[in-house]
Structure formats: C-alpha cells, structure tokens
Amino acid sequence: HDIHERGLLAPDCVVVPRSSSTLLAPTDVLKRSTMETLIHRLGHCGDATITPRTRYSARRFPPSALLAKPQALEFLDFQKGPELFQQRNLEFRTSREGFLDGVHMHLHVDLDDSN
C-alpha cells in the first residue's frame, strides 16, 4: 500500500523527490571514441562489440544519438500519491534520418516542482 493511503504523511507534508519519470527514446548507432571503446572493453572481458538485445549502463549518453523526443513510459507523482498501475502507448516520430539501433531509457527526477 501507498504511504498516502495509510495516512503516514502530515497534511502539509512536502515529498522529496516530488515526482519521477522513466523516459524512452529510439537511438541511432553510437559512434564511440577510442576511449569509449577501451572503457567498454575493460568492463566486458576485452570484447569491443555491443551485443544486440543487451542492457547497458551509459553515462553521459549523447543527446545527438536520439532519433526522437523521449516519452514517459511511467510517471510517479509522490506528492499526490503515485498511480501504481499505468498503461501507455508510445509512438515515436523521428526528427532526423538515422538507423534505429536501440532504445535509450533514463530517469528524470523532479525534486521540487521547479526544475
């Protein structure tokens, strides 16, 4: 059960973070630098290839690799009480030419409704 339903919050309580969203966007083929390839090899037993249907952690993912604007897969509003069951249909319209090579997933956290 949600902490709102159980009455565990004071009426004037401010929840931090206020909300979070999991966002998805289609991606183009990544053009990795030599350094990025070496770092990938270091963490993958010397293998330089990116394997299909595999989840990777990507720090500082380049926005230029996105083929369309990210869309919310889920949205959790902690201040009002999150909808625990959500259903979405996402439709992406590419903003440029490219080769659909994957899907980028990232988290957006709204700390105080002003960022």
Protein backbone atom coordinates (compact mmCIF):
# COMPACT_ATOMS: atom_id res chain seq x y z
CA HIS A 1 0.00 0.00 0.00
CA ASP A 2 0.97 3.56 -0.66
CA ILE A 3 2.01 5.84 2.26
CA HIS A 4 -0.79 8.26 1.29
CA GLU A 5 -3.45 5.56 1.66
CA ARG A 6 -2.05 4.53 5.04
CA GLY A 7 -2.19 8.11 6.37
CA LEU A 8 1.54 8.24 7.16
CA LEU A 9 2.03 11.80 5.85
CA ALA A 10 1.08 15.08 7.54
CA PRO A 11 -1.48 17.13 5.53
CA ASP A 12 1.09 19.85 4.73
CA CYS A 13 3.95 17.42 4.02
CA VAL A 14 6.22 18.09 1.04
CA VAL A 15 7.59 14.92 -0.53
CA VAL A 16 11.12 14.95 -1.98
CA PRO A 17 11.51 13.97 -4.73
CA ARG A 18 8.19 15.36 -5.91
CA SER A 19 7.98 13.02 -8.91
CA SER A 20 9.98 10.84 -11.26
CA SER A 21 9.56 9.64 -14.84
CA THR A 22 11.10 6.77 -16.75
CA LEU A 23 11.67 8.05 -20.29
CA LEU A 24 12.31 6.08 -23.50
CA ALA A 25 13.66 7.23 -26.87
CA PRO A 26 14.83 5.43 -30.02
CA THR A 27 18.56 5.76 -30.71
CA ASP A 28 20.85 5.86 -33.70
CA VAL A 29 24.05 3.81 -33.98
CA LEU A 30 26.53 5.08 -31.39
CA LYS A 31 29.75 6.50 -32.75
CA ARG A 32 32.17 5.67 -29.95
CA SER A 33 35.53 7.32 -29.47
CA THR A 34 38.64 5.20 -28.96
CA MET A 35 38.49 5.97 -25.23
CA GLU A 36 34.84 4.89 -25.01
CA THR A 37 35.64 1.65 -26.85
CA LEU A 38 38.55 0.93 -24.49
CA ILE A 39 36.39 1.58 -21.42
CA HIS A 40 33.70 -0.73 -22.84
CA ARG A 41 36.32 -3.45 -23.43
CA LEU A 42 37.59 -3.05 -19.88
CA GLY A 43 34.16 -3.84 -18.48
CA HIS A 44 33.27 -6.60 -20.96
CA CYS A 45 36.18 -9.09 -20.85
CA GLY A 46 38.04 -7.38 -23.71
CA ASP A 47 35.09 -7.51 -26.12
CA ALA A 48 34.65 -4.26 -28.09
CA THR A 49 31.29 -5.15 -29.65
CA ILE A 50 27.90 -4.00 -28.39
CA THR A 51 25.71 -7.10 -28.25
CA PRO A 52 22.09 -6.89 -29.53
CA ARG A 53 19.24 -7.32 -27.01
CA THR A 54 21.54 -6.47 -24.10
CA ARG A 55 21.03 -3.78 -21.49
CA TYR A 56 23.97 -1.43 -20.95
CA SER A 57 24.64 1.34 -18.48
CA ALA A 58 25.57 4.55 -20.34
CA ARG A 59 27.00 7.58 -18.56
CA ARG A 60 26.81 10.91 -20.39
CA PHE A 61 24.74 9.44 -23.23
CA PRO A 62 24.93 11.91 -26.15
CA PRO A 63 21.56 13.57 -26.88
CA SER A 64 22.64 13.71 -30.54
CA ALA A 65 22.17 9.92 -30.70
CA LEU A 66 18.42 10.19 -30.00
CA LEU A 67 16.21 9.86 -33.08
CA ALA A 68 13.07 11.25 -31.41
CA LYS A 69 12.00 13.15 -28.34
CA PRO A 70 11.92 10.94 -25.20
CA GLN A 71 8.47 9.93 -23.92
CA ALA A 72 7.33 8.86 -20.48
CA LEU A 73 6.97 5.11 -20.02
CA GLU A 74 5.83 5.74 -16.45
CA PHE A 75 5.23 8.78 -14.27
CA LEU A 76 5.22 8.63 -10.46
CA ASP A 77 3.87 11.66 -8.58
CA PHE A 78 4.98 11.13 -4.99
CA GLN A 79 3.37 14.35 -3.75
CA LYS A 80 -0.17 13.38 -4.82
CA GLY A 81 0.33 9.64 -4.50
CA PRO A 82 1.62 7.55 -7.40
CA GLU A 83 -0.65 5.65 -9.75
CA LEU A 84 0.74 2.19 -9.21
CA PHE A 85 -0.87 0.72 -12.34
CA GLN A 86 -0.25 2.63 -15.55
CA GLN A 87 -0.69 1.87 -19.23
CA ARG A 88 0.84 3.87 -22.07
CA ASN A 89 1.08 3.59 -25.84
CA LEU A 90 4.22 5.30 -27.09
CA GLU A 91 4.55 6.44 -30.70
CA PHE A 92 7.83 7.98 -31.79
CA ARG A 93 8.24 10.29 -34.77
CA THR A 94 11.86 10.57 -35.78
CA SER A 95 13.25 14.09 -36.07
CA ARG A 96 16.07 13.17 -38.48
CA GLU A 97 17.45 10.39 -40.65
CA GLY A 98 19.27 7.59 -38.93
CA PHE A 99 19.43 3.87 -38.29
CA LEU A 100 17.23 2.64 -35.42
CA ASP A 101 19.75 0.73 -33.34
CA GLY A 102 18.31 0.68 -29.85
CA VAL A 103 16.21 2.31 -27.15
CA HIS A 104 17.60 4.66 -24.52
CA MET A 105 15.93 4.60 -21.09
CA HIS A 106 16.64 7.24 -18.49
CA LEU A 107 15.16 8.59 -15.29
CA HIS A 108 14.05 12.19 -14.77
CA VAL A 109 13.62 13.23 -11.13
CA ASP A 110 11.72 16.41 -10.18
CA LEU A 111 12.96 17.45 -6.77
CA ASP A 112 10.83 20.48 -6.05
CA ASP A 113 8.48 21.23 -8.97
CA SER A 114 10.81 23.96 -10.25
CA ASN A 115 13.47 22.02 -12.18
